[in-house]
Every structure is written in C-alpha cells, then in structure tokens.
Amino acid sequence: MKAIVLNEQNELTDREVEMRPVSENEILIRIMASAFNPIDYQMRESEQERKYLFSPILGREFSGIVEKTGSAVTDFRIGDSVFCACGSMGSNGSYATHILVPQEIVALEPQSVSFEEAAALPVVGITALQALNRIALIPETRILVTGASAGVGNFLVKLLLAKGIKHLTVTAGNKDRHQQLTKIGVHQEQIADYHNPALSSELIKRNGGVKFDIVVDCVGHYLSEIAAEVMKANAVYVDITNRISAKGRDMLFDIGATVHHISNFVYAGEKRYAYFRQSLQQIRHYIDETEVTPPAITVIGGLSAKNAEYAQQLLQDNGTSGSKLIMQNQI
C-alpha cells in the first residue's frame, strides 16, 4: 500500500509499505479520506504526546470502504462505507491507502454525508460526546464553552443546541468565527470575544449577571483562569485540552471545582472498544436524524507527504479558519 511514513529524521516521506494479513477479528479498509489533528504534529515535537506514537504512519481518523473481513467478523460486509477513530488501535495510522482495524471500533458512516465529511467526525464527535455524557444537564444549567467556533467545541455546541440548552455562552476570536457560530444557531448575544481585556466581566454579563454551573474549556492556558473566575463554587470544569495553567489549577481548587479530564486514550489502552463504536453510532444518529451537521472541512489534496506537511503546518499556525483539514487518500 502507499503510505506517508515518518522517518528517523522526523520527516514525512512517501513510501510503499507491505500490509500484513487480516486477523480473524479485523477489517481491511480502503481509506477514502482522512483528517488531520493537532496531535499529529504534537507527536513529532512533544515528549508528552510522543508516547502515543505507535506507528511511523500517523493519522487518527478516517472514512472508507470495507475491502476484506476476517473469519470472525459478522457486523460488516465487503463494500460497506464506514468511519473510524483508529488512534493506536489499527495496524497503522490513517495517512495511508489502507488500514486494518478491529471490527469493534468501526461503524457504518452517516448516510447523509460524503467520505470527506465523515472523516472529519470521529475524533471531534467522540470527544464532544464524552464531555456531554459526563456532565449533568438540566434546562436551567448555565454553561460556557470556550473555543466554540471549531473542532470539539463547535461540535459540542451543536449537540447542546440539539438538546435544547438555552443558557449557553461561548467564546470565539474574530468576526468570521462569530458568524460560524450564528450559522449553527448561537445568538450573537451569547458570543464573547476572548480578546476582550475584561472577558470575565463580559461573560458574566452575557450570562445574565450570574456565574456558570459548567465550563467546557476547549482552549486551556489563560482561559482556564478565566473559567475559574466565572464559575460558581463547586461548579464543574471540563478539561478538553490538558492545558490548564498552574494558576488556573490553583484557582479551580480554591473554588472547589469538580474537574473532568476528557480523554479517549484510556478506552483504547484498556481495549474497551465498544466505547468507540457506540459513540460513532450516536454520532451517526445525530447527523442522520437531527439537525446536527458535520464540521466544516477544507480538502487539502491527495495522499502525499507534501500535503501532510502543509496541513500540519496550518494546524500549528492556527490557519485552518475553523475547518477540519481533510486528505483524499485514494488520489
């Protein structure tokens, strides 16, 4: 198969790689499209993230077509269109034309989307769902989502709106990001510009003059400190990024906050594969049966090291304009 391989000099290179035989519980999938995530470049730069580097072929999520099934596979047939967050659970990452994965982590893709759109769903969708499922929501809940214009934050906002949550406040950076939020149903008065030097006061003002019950922080760093300033005593802080500042951690402790760290890696490490399929099935339901839409996407081109380097640089430079970057793996 053709693949993009990270070499010993930490460079992405185009290679031909031999695919091993299919095990009894595995599916061989022809990858039609794959998505880029910040962890792709972070694993090349950070010791903290490098521990998740299981294969020199990077990539964490994809959509594709089942080409072959193992003898014990009962849930899929050749020709099925599927999507998957492979993480470290497959034979390789998704920067390739093919992948072998356990059948339990795969689901049929939503019927109403393209392969490119389906590839953008697994990581943001599964992460947003975990955040949603770990917080207790009632109609009166007042919730703040930071970094709501893209990625996990944006998909979570769509889920919250689908559930009819009214007391929602979000942060975003510029006018274009504000417009992206209003297009999915967020009212302008619910959006605060995180560049505002009086952001804490602005957030409380937009929340009707009271503090928040729940903050889902998709940014971290100094916004974890802002979050602590605008939370009620014993409120819930949901950490998406593992980027809480030292000061923010102290402030959250001082208000007696309950902190939920959102991570999908534990389920992969413990081989609790049902978590992934169940989450993907929930995502498919939201996409096909409700008004929740896939993330905005930008297709950067076909499977090549050049395109992958370009996409990773865009992610590093925060140059995606809120879109999920997608590679077409059969081109």
C-alpha atoms as a PDB file:
ATOM      1  CA  MET A   1       0.000   0.000   0.000  1.00  0.00           C
ATOM      2  CA  LYS A   2       1.000   3.623  -0.362  1.00  0.00           C
ATOM      3  CA  ALA A   3       1.633   5.499   2.890  1.00  0.00           C
ATOM      4  CA  ILE A   4       3.186   8.622   4.370  1.00  0.00           C
ATOM      5  CA  VAL A   5       5.909   7.461   6.762  1.00  0.00           C
ATOM      6  CA  LEU A   6       7.674   9.436   9.500  1.00  0.00           C
ATOM      7  CA  ASN A   7      11.371   8.640   9.103  1.00  0.00           C
ATOM      8  CA  GLU A   8      14.172   8.658  11.685  1.00  0.00           C
ATOM      9  CA  GLN A   9      14.949  12.288  10.823  1.00  0.00           C
ATOM     10  CA  ASN A  10      11.383  13.235  11.862  1.00  0.00           C
ATOM     11  CA  GLU A  11      10.437  13.918   8.235  1.00  0.00           C
ATOM     12  CA  LEU A  12       7.297  12.792   6.439  1.00  0.00           C
ATOM     13  CA  THR A  13       8.119  10.703   3.360  1.00  0.00           C
ATOM     14  CA  ASP A  14       6.120   8.898   0.646  1.00  0.00           C
ATOM     15  CA  ARG A  15       6.641   5.138   0.791  1.00  0.00           C
ATOM     16  CA  GLU A  16       5.279   1.795  -0.361  1.00  0.00           C
ATOM     17  CA  VAL A  17       4.553  -0.382   2.686  1.00  0.00           C
ATOM     18  CA  GLU A  18       3.613  -4.062   2.827  1.00  0.00           C
ATOM     19  CA  MET A  19       0.293  -4.783   4.557  1.00  0.00           C
ATOM     20  CA  ARG A  20       0.184  -7.821   6.843  1.00  0.00           C
ATOM     21  CA  PRO A  21      -2.618 -10.441   6.551  1.00  0.00           C
ATOM     22  CA  VAL A  22      -6.046  -9.808   8.052  1.00  0.00           C
ATOM     23  CA  SER A  23      -6.578 -11.326  11.515  1.00  0.00           C
ATOM     24  CA  GLU A  24      -9.853 -13.092  12.297  1.00  0.00           C
ATOM     25  CA  ASN A  25     -11.447 -10.125  14.092  1.00  0.00           C
ATOM     26  CA  GLU A  26     -10.138  -7.409  11.782  1.00  0.00           C
ATOM     27  CA  ILE A  27     -11.403  -5.472   8.796  1.00  0.00           C
ATOM     28  CA  LEU A  28      -9.260  -4.295   5.904  1.00  0.00           C
ATOM     29  CA  ILE A  29     -10.485  -0.855   4.875  1.00  0.00           C
ATOM     30  CA  ARG A  30      -9.594   1.158   1.788  1.00  0.00           C
ATOM     31  CA  ILE A  31      -9.254   4.650   3.208  1.00  0.00           C
ATOM     32  CA  MET A  32     -11.129   7.193   1.105  1.00  0.00           C
ATOM     33  CA  ALA A  33     -10.469  10.251   3.274  1.00  0.00           C
ATOM     34  CA  SER A  34      -8.597  11.040   6.479  1.00  0.00           C
ATOM     35  CA  ALA A  35      -8.483  14.032   8.793  1.00  0.00           C
ATOM     36  CA  PHE A  36      -5.624  15.924  10.405  1.00  0.00           C
ATOM     37  CA  ASN A  37      -5.452  16.637  14.135  1.00  0.00           C
ATOM     38  CA  PRO A  38      -3.099  18.724  16.288  1.00  0.00           C
ATOM     39  CA  ILE A  39      -1.726  15.573  17.912  1.00  0.00           C
ATOM     40  CA  ASP A  40      -0.291  14.620  14.509  1.00  0.00           C
ATOM     41  CA  TYR A  41       2.350  17.345  14.708  1.00  0.00           C
ATOM     42  CA  GLN A  42       2.493  17.351  18.510  1.00  0.00           C
ATOM     43  CA  MET A  43       3.733  13.741  18.487  1.00  0.00           C
ATOM     44  CA  ARG A  44       6.659  14.925  16.385  1.00  0.00           C
ATOM     45  CA  GLU A  45       7.549  17.718  18.814  1.00  0.00           C
ATOM     46  CA  SER A  46       6.423  16.898  22.339  1.00  0.00           C
ATOM     47  CA  GLU A  47       7.656  14.187  24.695  1.00  0.00           C
ATOM     48  CA  GLN A  48       4.244  14.291  26.384  1.00  0.00           C
ATOM     49  CA  GLU A  49       2.472  13.400  23.130  1.00  0.00           C
ATOM     50  CA  ARG A  50       5.195  11.158  21.663  1.00  0.00           C
ATOM     51  CA  LYS A  51       4.144   8.334  23.984  1.00  0.00           C
ATOM     52  CA  TYR A  52       1.076   7.935  21.725  1.00  0.00           C
ATOM     53  CA  LEU A  53       3.236   7.403  18.616  1.00  0.00           C
ATOM     54  CA  PHE A  54       2.646   3.692  17.936  1.00  0.00           C
ATOM     55  CA  SER A  55       3.384   3.669  14.197  1.00  0.00           C
ATOM     56  CA  PRO A  56       5.576   5.726  11.839  1.00  0.00           C
ATOM     57  CA  ILE A  57       2.384   6.156   9.785  1.00  0.00           C
ATOM     58  CA  LEU A  58       0.489   8.967  11.516  1.00  0.00           C
ATOM     59  CA  GLY A  59      -3.211   9.809  11.445  1.00  0.00           C
ATOM     60  CA  ARG A  60      -6.043   9.122  13.901  1.00  0.00           C
ATOM     61  CA  GLU A  61      -9.330   9.037  11.943  1.00  0.00           C
ATOM     62  CA  PHE A  62     -10.753   8.225   8.531  1.00  0.00           C
ATOM     63  CA  SER A  63     -13.644   7.051   6.405  1.00  0.00           C
ATOM     64  CA  GLY A  64     -13.504   4.328   3.812  1.00  0.00           C
ATOM     65  CA  ILE A  65     -14.818   1.131   2.245  1.00  0.00           C
ATOM     66  CA  VAL A  66     -14.545  -2.382   3.649  1.00  0.00           C
ATOM     67  CA  GLU A  67     -12.367  -4.461   1.293  1.00  0.00           C
ATOM     68  CA  LYS A  68     -11.857  -7.651   3.294  1.00  0.00           C
ATOM     69  CA  THR A  69     -13.090  -9.144   6.577  1.00  0.00           C
ATOM     70  CA  GLY A  70     -11.566 -11.654   8.979  1.00  0.00           C
ATOM     71  CA  SER A  71     -13.195 -15.018   9.592  1.00  0.00           C
ATOM     72  CA  ALA A  72     -14.803 -13.875  12.880  1.00  0.00           C
ATOM     73  CA  VAL A  73     -16.234 -10.604  11.531  1.00  0.00           C
ATOM     74  CA  THR A  74     -20.032 -10.642  11.497  1.00  0.00           C
ATOM     75  CA  ASP A  75     -21.055  -6.984  11.550  1.00  0.00           C
ATOM     76  CA  PHE A  76     -19.687  -5.769   8.223  1.00  0.00           C
ATOM     77  CA  ARG A  77     -19.704  -6.789   4.604  1.00  0.00           C
ATOM     78  CA  ILE A  78     -17.364  -6.002   1.727  1.00  0.00           C
ATOM     79  CA  GLY A  79     -18.416  -2.698   0.210  1.00  0.00           C
ATOM     80  CA  ASP A  80     -19.769  -1.137   3.415  1.00  0.00           C
ATOM     81  CA  SER A  81     -18.971   2.570   3.858  1.00  0.00           C
ATOM     82  CA  VAL A  82     -17.570   3.097   7.352  1.00  0.00           C
ATOM     83  CA  PHE A  83     -15.872   5.642   9.581  1.00  0.00           C
ATOM     84  CA  CYS A  84     -13.485   5.169  12.467  1.00  0.00           C
ATOM     85  CA  ALA A  85     -11.234   6.787  15.072  1.00  0.00           C
ATOM     86  CA  CYS A  86      -8.332   4.372  14.766  1.00  0.00           C
ATOM     87  CA  GLY A  87      -5.968   6.078  17.217  1.00  0.00           C
ATOM     88  CA  SER A  88      -3.367   3.481  18.179  1.00  0.00           C
ATOM     89  CA  MET A  89      -5.729   0.550  17.648  1.00  0.00           C
ATOM     90  CA  GLY A  90      -5.087  -0.213  13.983  1.00  0.00           C
ATOM     91  CA  SER A  91      -2.220  -1.707  12.006  1.00  0.00           C
ATOM     92  CA  ASN A  92      -1.038   1.817  11.213  1.00  0.00           C
ATOM     93  CA  GLY A  93      -2.315   5.370  11.173  1.00  0.00           C
ATOM     94  CA  SER A  94      -4.651   6.851   8.587  1.00  0.00           C
ATOM     95  CA  TYR A  95      -2.013   8.519   6.365  1.00  0.00           C
ATOM     96  CA  ALA A  96      -2.243   5.519   4.040  1.00  0.00           C
ATOM     97  CA  THR A  97      -4.379   3.933   1.359  1.00  0.00           C
ATOM     98  CA  HIS A  98      -5.371   1.013   3.624  1.00  0.00           C
ATOM     99  CA  ILE A  99      -5.653   0.060   7.289  1.00  0.00           C
ATOM    100  CA  LEU A 100      -6.508  -2.989   9.397  1.00  0.00           C
ATOM    101  CA  VAL A 101      -8.652  -2.315  12.465  1.00  0.00           C
ATOM    102  CA  PRO A 102     -10.646  -4.381  14.987  1.00  0.00           C
ATOM    103  CA  GLN A 103     -14.268  -4.591  13.885  1.00  0.00           C
ATOM    104  CA  GLU A 104     -15.452  -3.270  17.280  1.00  0.00           C
ATOM    105  CA  ILE A 105     -14.120   0.265  16.703  1.00  0.00           C
ATOM    106  CA  VAL A 106     -15.792   0.733  13.307  1.00  0.00           C
ATOM    107  CA  ALA A 107     -19.310   1.914  12.457  1.00  0.00           C
ATOM    108  CA  LEU A 108     -21.307   2.468   9.301  1.00  0.00           C
ATOM    109  CA  GLU A 109     -20.881   6.094   8.301  1.00  0.00           C
ATOM    110  CA  PRO A 110     -23.846   8.508   8.237  1.00  0.00           C
ATOM    111  CA  GLN A 111     -25.880   8.185   5.062  1.00  0.00           C
ATOM    112  CA  SER A 112     -26.209  11.925   4.528  1.00  0.00           C
ATOM    113  CA  VAL A 113     -22.520  12.866   4.264  1.00  0.00           C
ATOM    114  CA  SER A 114     -19.591  12.452   1.882  1.00  0.00           C
ATOM    115  CA  PHE A 115     -16.475  10.423   2.690  1.00  0.00           C
ATOM    116  CA  GLU A 116     -14.641  13.692   3.322  1.00  0.00           C
ATOM    117  CA  GLU A 117     -17.271  14.897   5.794  1.00  0.00           C
ATOM    118  CA  ALA A 118     -17.417  11.502   7.503  1.00  0.00           C
ATOM    119  CA  ALA A 119     -13.642  11.548   8.039  1.00  0.00           C
ATOM    120  CA  ALA A 120     -13.986  14.820   9.969  1.00  0.00           C
ATOM    121  CA  LEU A 121     -16.424  13.356  12.504  1.00  0.00           C
ATOM    122  CA  PRO A 122     -14.817  10.640  14.669  1.00  0.00           C
ATOM    123  CA  VAL A 123     -12.325  12.498  16.883  1.00  0.00           C
ATOM    124  CA  VAL A 124     -14.317  15.698  17.461  1.00  0.00           C
ATOM    125  CA  GLY A 125     -17.559  13.751  17.730  1.00  0.00           C
ATOM    126  CA  ILE A 126     -16.353  11.112  20.194  1.00  0.00           C
ATOM    127  CA  THR A 127     -14.603  13.711  22.347  1.00  0.00           C
ATOM    128  CA  ALA A 128     -17.602  16.043  22.386  1.00  0.00           C
ATOM    129  CA  LEU A 129     -19.910  13.146  23.239  1.00  0.00           C
ATOM    130  CA  GLN A 130     -17.738  12.092  26.167  1.00  0.00           C
ATOM    131  CA  ALA A 131     -17.839  15.647  27.507  1.00  0.00           C
ATOM    132  CA  LEU A 132     -21.613  15.760  27.075  1.00  0.00           C
ATOM    133  CA  ASN A 133     -22.156  12.378  28.700  1.00  0.00           C
ATOM    134  CA  ARG A 134     -20.072  13.231  31.765  1.00  0.00           C
ATOM    135  CA  ILE A 135     -21.938  16.382  32.756  1.00  0.00           C
ATOM    136  CA  ALA A 136     -25.399  16.583  34.298  1.00  0.00           C
ATOM    137  CA  LEU A 137     -27.588  18.897  32.237  1.00  0.00           C
ATOM    138  CA  ILE A 138     -30.990  20.248  33.207  1.00  0.00           C
ATOM    139  CA  PRO A 139     -32.902  23.054  31.451  1.00  0.00           C
ATOM    140  CA  GLU A 140     -31.651  25.608  33.997  1.00  0.00           C
ATOM    141  CA  THR A 141     -27.958  24.702  33.565  1.00  0.00           C
ATOM    142  CA  ARG A 142     -25.790  27.665  32.671  1.00  0.00           C
ATOM    143  CA  ILE A 143     -22.874  26.503  30.572  1.00  0.00           C
ATOM    144  CA  LEU A 144     -19.851  28.189  28.996  1.00  0.00           C
ATOM    145  CA  VAL A 145     -17.901  26.655  26.092  1.00  0.00           C
ATOM    146  CA  THR A 146     -14.534  28.233  25.286  1.00  0.00           C
ATOM    147  CA  GLY A 147     -13.080  27.821  21.801  1.00  0.00           C
ATOM    148  CA  ALA A 148     -16.539  27.122  20.413  1.00  0.00           C
ATOM    149  CA  SER A 149     -16.004  28.081  16.786  1.00  0.00           C
ATOM    150  CA  ALA A 150     -14.071  24.986  15.699  1.00  0.00           C
ATOM    151  CA  GLY A 151     -13.251  21.393  16.487  1.00  0.00           C
ATOM    152  CA  VAL A 152     -14.598  19.743  19.616  1.00  0.00           C
ATOM    153  CA  GLY A 153     -16.078  22.987  20.935  1.00  0.00           C
ATOM    154  CA  ASN A 154     -18.106  23.602  17.809  1.00  0.00           C
ATOM    155  CA  PHE A 155     -19.478  20.069  17.645  1.00  0.00           C
ATOM    156  CA  LEU A 156     -20.322  20.167  21.354  1.00  0.00           C
ATOM    157  CA  VAL A 157     -22.259  23.398  20.844  1.00  0.00           C
ATOM    158  CA  LYS A 158     -24.253  21.695  18.075  1.00  0.00           C
ATOM    159  CA  LEU A 159     -25.091  18.836  20.443  1.00  0.00           C
ATOM    160  CA  LEU A 160     -26.100  21.245  23.221  1.00  0.00           C
ATOM    161  CA  LEU A 161     -28.362  23.157  20.860  1.00  0.00           C
ATOM    162  CA  ALA A 162     -29.887  19.884  19.646  1.00  0.00           C
ATOM    163  CA  LYS A 163     -30.683  19.081  23.277  1.00  0.00           C
ATOM    164  CA  GLY A 164     -32.423  22.431  23.691  1.00  0.00           C
ATOM    165  CA  ILE A 165     -29.939  24.015  26.105  1.00  0.00           C
ATOM    166  CA  LYS A 166     -30.862  27.713  26.330  1.00  0.00           C
ATOM    167  CA  HIS A 167     -28.425  29.167  28.879  1.00  0.00           C
ATOM    168  CA  LEU A 168     -25.360  28.832  26.672  1.00  0.00           C
ATOM    169  CA  THR A 169     -22.459  31.251  26.362  1.00  0.00           C
ATOM    170  CA  VAL A 170     -19.421  30.738  24.129  1.00  0.00           C
ATOM    171  CA  THR A 171     -16.108  32.383  23.319  1.00  0.00           C
ATOM    172  CA  ALA A 172     -14.656  32.917  19.852  1.00  0.00           C
ATOM    173  CA  GLY A 173     -11.926  35.075  18.373  1.00  0.00           C
ATOM    174  CA  ASN A 174     -12.900  37.142  15.361  1.00  0.00           C
ATOM    175  CA  LYS A 175     -15.896  38.224  13.290  1.00  0.00           C
ATOM    176  CA  ASP A 176     -15.638  35.228  10.944  1.00  0.00           C
ATOM    177  CA  ARG A 177     -15.678  32.825  13.889  1.00  0.00           C
ATOM    178  CA  HIS A 178     -18.696  34.650  15.329  1.00  0.00           C
ATOM    179  CA  GLN A 179     -20.508  34.207  12.017  1.00  0.00           C
ATOM    180  CA  GLN A 180     -19.708  30.484  12.003  1.00  0.00           C
ATOM    181  CA  LEU A 181     -21.438  30.211  15.382  1.00  0.00           C
ATOM    182  CA  THR A 182     -24.511  32.206  14.409  1.00  0.00           C
ATOM    183  CA  LYS A 183     -24.926  29.954  11.361  1.00  0.00           C
ATOM    184  CA  ILE A 184     -25.366  26.912  13.621  1.00  0.00           C
ATOM    185  CA  GLY A 185     -27.898  28.647  15.871  1.00  0.00           C
ATOM    186  CA  VAL A 186     -25.932  30.547  18.514  1.00  0.00           C
ATOM    187  CA  HIS A 187     -27.292  34.052  19.084  1.00  0.00           C
ATOM    188  CA  GLN A 188     -24.906  36.980  18.805  1.00  0.00           C
ATOM    189  CA  GLU A 189     -25.560  37.988  22.415  1.00  0.00           C
ATOM    190  CA  GLN A 190     -24.324  34.556  23.520  1.00  0.00           C
ATOM    191  CA  ILE A 191     -20.875  35.063  21.950  1.00  0.00           C
ATOM    192  CA  ALA A 192     -17.987  36.770  23.751  1.00  0.00           C
ATOM    193  CA  ASP A 193     -14.712  37.760  22.081  1.00  0.00           C
ATOM    194  CA  TYR A 194     -11.889  36.159  24.040  1.00  0.00           C
ATOM    195  CA  HIS A 195      -9.624  39.100  23.138  1.00  0.00           C
ATOM    196  CA  ASN A 196     -11.718  41.329  25.425  1.00  0.00           C
ATOM    197  CA  PRO A 197      -9.436  42.503  28.294  1.00  0.00           C
ATOM    198  CA  ALA A 198     -12.491  42.437  30.587  1.00  0.00           C
ATOM    199  CA  LEU A 199     -13.520  38.957  29.445  1.00  0.00           C
ATOM    200  CA  SER A 200     -14.590  37.666  32.860  1.00  0.00           C
ATOM    201  CA  SER A 201     -16.985  40.538  33.390  1.00  0.00           C
ATOM    202  CA  GLU A 202     -18.272  40.253  29.834  1.00  0.00           C
ATOM    203  CA  LEU A 203     -19.002  36.547  30.238  1.00  0.00           C
ATOM    204  CA  ILE A 204     -20.922  37.034  33.469  1.00  0.00           C
ATOM    205  CA  LYS A 205     -22.865  39.891  31.881  1.00  0.00           C
ATOM    206  CA  ARG A 206     -23.841  37.695  28.922  1.00  0.00           C
ATOM    207  CA  ASN A 207     -24.882  35.002  31.402  1.00  0.00           C
ATOM    208  CA  GLY A 208     -27.496  37.240  32.980  1.00  0.00           C
ATOM    209  CA  GLY A 209     -25.232  38.577  35.701  1.00  0.00           C
ATOM    210  CA  VAL A 210     -24.591  35.202  37.357  1.00  0.00           C
ATOM    211  CA  LYS A 211     -21.721  32.721  37.299  1.00  0.00           C
ATOM    212  CA  PHE A 212     -21.689  29.419  35.415  1.00  0.00           C
ATOM    213  CA  ASP A 213     -22.595  25.925  36.564  1.00  0.00           C
ATOM    214  CA  ILE A 214     -20.381  24.236  33.964  1.00  0.00           C
ATOM    215  CA  VAL A 215     -17.435  25.361  31.848  1.00  0.00           C
ATOM    216  CA  VAL A 216     -16.187  23.204  28.978  1.00  0.00           C
ATOM    217  CA  ASP A 217     -12.732  24.545  28.177  1.00  0.00           C
ATOM    218  CA  CYS A 218     -11.524  23.696  24.671  1.00  0.00           C
ATOM    219  CA  VAL A 219      -8.603  26.158  24.804  1.00  0.00           C
ATOM    220  CA  GLY A 220      -6.851  25.920  28.164  1.00  0.00           C
ATOM    221  CA  HIS A 221      -3.890  28.111  29.178  1.00  0.00           C
ATOM    222  CA  TYR A 222      -5.086  31.509  30.446  1.00  0.00           C
ATOM    223  CA  LEU A 223      -8.688  30.691  29.605  1.00  0.00           C
ATOM    224  CA  SER A 224      -8.590  28.082  32.358  1.00  0.00           C
ATOM    225  CA  GLU A 225      -8.030  31.024  34.721  1.00  0.00           C
ATOM    226  CA  ILE A 226     -10.893  32.985  33.181  1.00  0.00           C
ATOM    227  CA  ALA A 227     -13.057  29.887  33.564  1.00  0.00           C
ATOM    228  CA  ALA A 228     -12.303  29.661  37.291  1.00  0.00           C
ATOM    229  CA  GLU A 229     -13.164  33.350  37.715  1.00  0.00           C
ATOM    230  CA  VAL A 230     -16.639  32.937  36.195  1.00  0.00           C
ATOM    231  CA  MET A 231     -17.611  29.605  37.809  1.00  0.00           C
ATOM    232  CA  LYS A 232     -19.857  29.158  40.824  1.00  0.00           C
ATOM    233  CA  ALA A 233     -18.477  27.477  43.931  1.00  0.00           C
ATOM    234  CA  ASN A 234     -18.359  23.688  43.378  1.00  0.00           C
ATOM    235  CA  ALA A 235     -19.095  24.125  39.666  1.00  0.00           C
ATOM    236  CA  VAL A 236     -17.893  21.677  37.014  1.00  0.00           C
ATOM    237  CA  TYR A 237     -14.856  22.302  34.809  1.00  0.00           C
ATOM    238  CA  VAL A 238     -14.463  20.040  31.767  1.00  0.00           C
ATOM    239  CA  ASP A 239     -10.879  19.890  30.509  1.00  0.00           C
ATOM    240  CA  ILE A 240     -10.634  19.034  26.805  1.00  0.00           C
ATOM    241  CA  THR A 241      -7.020  20.047  26.161  1.00  0.00           C
ATOM    242  CA  ASN A 242      -4.854  19.089  29.148  1.00  0.00           C
ATOM    243  CA  ARG A 243      -3.620  22.682  29.000  1.00  0.00           C
ATOM    244  CA  ILE A 244      -4.765  24.038  32.385  1.00  0.00           C
ATOM    245  CA  SER A 245      -2.268  26.642  33.574  1.00  0.00           C
ATOM    246  CA  ALA A 246      -0.655  26.285  37.005  1.00  0.00           C
ATOM    247  CA  LYS A 247      -2.547  29.370  38.180  1.00  0.00           C
ATOM    248  CA  GLY A 248      -5.780  28.031  36.714  1.00  0.00           C
ATOM    249  CA  ARG A 249      -5.331  24.733  38.537  1.00  0.00           C
ATOM    250  CA  ASP A 250      -4.916  26.574  41.852  1.00  0.00           C
ATOM    251  CA  MET A 251      -7.962  28.746  41.175  1.00  0.00           C
ATOM    252  CA  LEU A 252     -10.113  25.725  40.335  1.00  0.00           C
ATOM    253  CA  PHE A 253      -9.033  24.093  43.577  1.00  0.00           C
ATOM    254  CA  ASP A 254      -9.873  27.231  45.547  1.00  0.00           C
ATOM    255  CA  ILE A 255     -13.498  27.247  44.334  1.00  0.00           C
ATOM    256  CA  GLY A 256     -13.914  23.537  44.977  1.00  0.00           C
ATOM    257  CA  ALA A 257     -14.498  22.756  41.314  1.00  0.00           C
ATOM    258  CA  THR A 258     -15.122  19.261  40.056  1.00  0.00           C
ATOM    259  CA  VAL A 259     -12.706  18.694  37.162  1.00  0.00           C
ATOM    260  CA  HIS A 260     -13.430  16.193  34.395  1.00  0.00           C
ATOM    261  CA  HIS A 261     -10.459  15.380  32.159  1.00  0.00           C
ATOM    262  CA  ILE A 262     -11.699  14.208  28.760  1.00  0.00           C
ATOM    263  CA  SER A 263      -9.559  11.514  27.168  1.00  0.00           C
ATOM    264  CA  ASN A 264     -10.269   8.747  24.696  1.00  0.00           C
ATOM    265  CA  PHE A 265      -6.864   7.102  25.162  1.00  0.00           C
ATOM    266  CA  VAL A 266      -7.881   5.222  28.301  1.00  0.00           C
ATOM    267  CA  TYR A 267     -10.558   3.310  26.389  1.00  0.00           C
ATOM    268  CA  ALA A 268      -8.035   2.309  23.714  1.00  0.00           C
ATOM    269  CA  GLY A 269      -5.430   1.343  26.302  1.00  0.00           C
ATOM    270  CA  GLU A 270      -7.897  -0.879  28.139  1.00  0.00           C
ATOM    271  CA  LYS A 271      -9.271  -2.229  24.836  1.00  0.00           C
ATOM    272  CA  ARG A 272     -12.771  -1.093  25.715  1.00  0.00           C
ATOM    273  CA  TYR A 273     -13.551  -0.952  22.028  1.00  0.00           C
ATOM    274  CA  ALA A 274     -17.337  -0.870  22.431  1.00  0.00           C
ATOM    275  CA  TYR A 275     -16.966   2.737  23.605  1.00  0.00           C
ATOM    276  CA  PHE A 276     -15.783   3.773  20.146  1.00  0.00           C
ATOM    277  CA  ARG A 277     -18.464   2.023  18.127  1.00  0.00           C
ATOM    278  CA  GLN A 278     -21.261   3.159  20.453  1.00  0.00           C
ATOM    279  CA  SER A 279     -20.017   6.741  20.189  1.00  0.00           C
ATOM    280  CA  LEU A 280     -19.812   6.562  16.399  1.00  0.00           C
ATOM    281  CA  GLN A 281     -23.333   5.149  16.255  1.00  0.00           C
ATOM    282  CA  GLN A 282     -24.555   8.059  18.381  1.00  0.00           C
ATOM    283  CA  ILE A 283     -22.818  10.479  16.034  1.00  0.00           C
ATOM    284  CA  ARG A 284     -24.445   8.819  13.020  1.00  0.00           C
ATOM    285  CA  HIS A 285     -27.840   9.180  14.714  1.00  0.00           C
ATOM    286  CA  TYR A 286     -27.283  12.893  15.385  1.00  0.00           C
ATOM    287  CA  ILE A 287     -26.156  13.515  11.788  1.00  0.00           C
ATOM    288  CA  ASP A 288     -28.864  11.466  10.048  1.00  0.00           C
ATOM    289  CA  GLU A 289     -31.802  12.013  12.414  1.00  0.00           C
ATOM    290  CA  THR A 290     -31.365  15.550  13.813  1.00  0.00           C
ATOM    291  CA  GLU A 291     -30.203  18.942  12.586  1.00  0.00           C
ATOM    292  CA  VAL A 292     -26.618  18.412  13.780  1.00  0.00           C
ATOM    293  CA  THR A 293     -24.224  18.953  10.868  1.00  0.00           C
ATOM    294  CA  PRO A 294     -20.666  17.694  10.277  1.00  0.00           C
ATOM    295  CA  PRO A 295     -17.718  20.015  10.905  1.00  0.00           C
ATOM    296  CA  ALA A 296     -16.783  22.453   8.173  1.00  0.00           C
ATOM    297  CA  ILE A 297     -13.999  20.930   6.067  1.00  0.00           C
ATOM    298  CA  THR A 298     -11.172  22.018   3.796  1.00  0.00           C
ATOM    299  CA  VAL A 299      -9.791  19.391   1.412  1.00  0.00           C
ATOM    300  CA  ILE A 300      -6.050  19.890   1.051  1.00  0.00           C
ATOM    301  CA  GLY A 301      -5.496  17.319  -1.694  1.00  0.00           C
ATOM    302  CA  GLY A 302      -4.376  13.734  -2.169  1.00  0.00           C
ATOM    303  CA  LEU A 303      -2.174  11.371  -0.183  1.00  0.00           C
ATOM    304  CA  SER A 304       1.316  12.853  -0.160  1.00  0.00           C
ATOM    305  CA  ALA A 305       3.959  13.851   2.358  1.00  0.00           C
ATOM    306  CA  LYS A 306       3.919  17.366   0.910  1.00  0.00           C
ATOM    307  CA  ASN A 307       0.200  17.766   1.575  1.00  0.00           C
ATOM    308  CA  ALA A 308       0.523  16.285   5.060  1.00  0.00           C
ATOM    309  CA  GLU A 309       3.341  18.674   5.979  1.00  0.00           C
ATOM    310  CA  TYR A 310       1.268  21.571   4.675  1.00  0.00           C
ATOM    311  CA  ALA A 311      -1.764  20.527   6.724  1.00  0.00           C
ATOM    312  CA  GLN A 312       0.250  20.060   9.905  1.00  0.00           C
ATOM    313  CA  GLN A 313       1.812  23.497   9.456  1.00  0.00           C
ATOM    314  CA  LEU A 314      -1.638  25.058   9.031  1.00  0.00           C
ATOM    315  CA  LEU A 315      -2.725  23.436  12.289  1.00  0.00           C
ATOM    316  CA  GLN A 316       0.386  24.710  14.054  1.00  0.00           C
ATOM    317  CA  ASP A 317      -0.168  28.222  12.749  1.00  0.00           C
ATOM    318  CA  ASN A 318      -3.883  28.159  13.658  1.00  0.00           C
ATOM    319  CA  GLY A 319      -4.554  28.788   9.991  1.00  0.00           C
ATOM    320  CA  THR A 320      -7.495  26.457   9.410  1.00  0.00           C
ATOM    321  CA  SER A 321     -10.198  29.153   9.760  1.00  0.00           C
ATOM    322  CA  GLY A 322     -12.189  26.754  11.896  1.00  0.00           C
ATOM    323  CA  SER A 323     -12.285  23.990   9.274  1.00  0.00           C
ATOM    324  CA  LYS A 324     -11.227  20.380   9.631  1.00  0.00           C
ATOM    325  CA  LEU A 325      -8.410  19.597   7.184  1.00  0.00           C
ATOM    326  CA  ILE A 326      -9.068  16.537   5.030  1.00  0.00           C
ATOM    327  CA  MET A 327      -6.866  14.408   2.777  1.00  0.00           C
ATOM    328  CA  GLN A 328      -8.262  12.281  -0.067  1.00  0.00           C
ATOM    329  CA  ASN A 329      -6.289   9.068   0.356  1.00  0.00           C
ATOM    330  CA  GLN A 330      -7.018   7.438  -2.999  1.00  0.00           C
ATOM    331  CA  ILE A 331      -5.741  10.388  -5.037  1.00  0.00           C
END
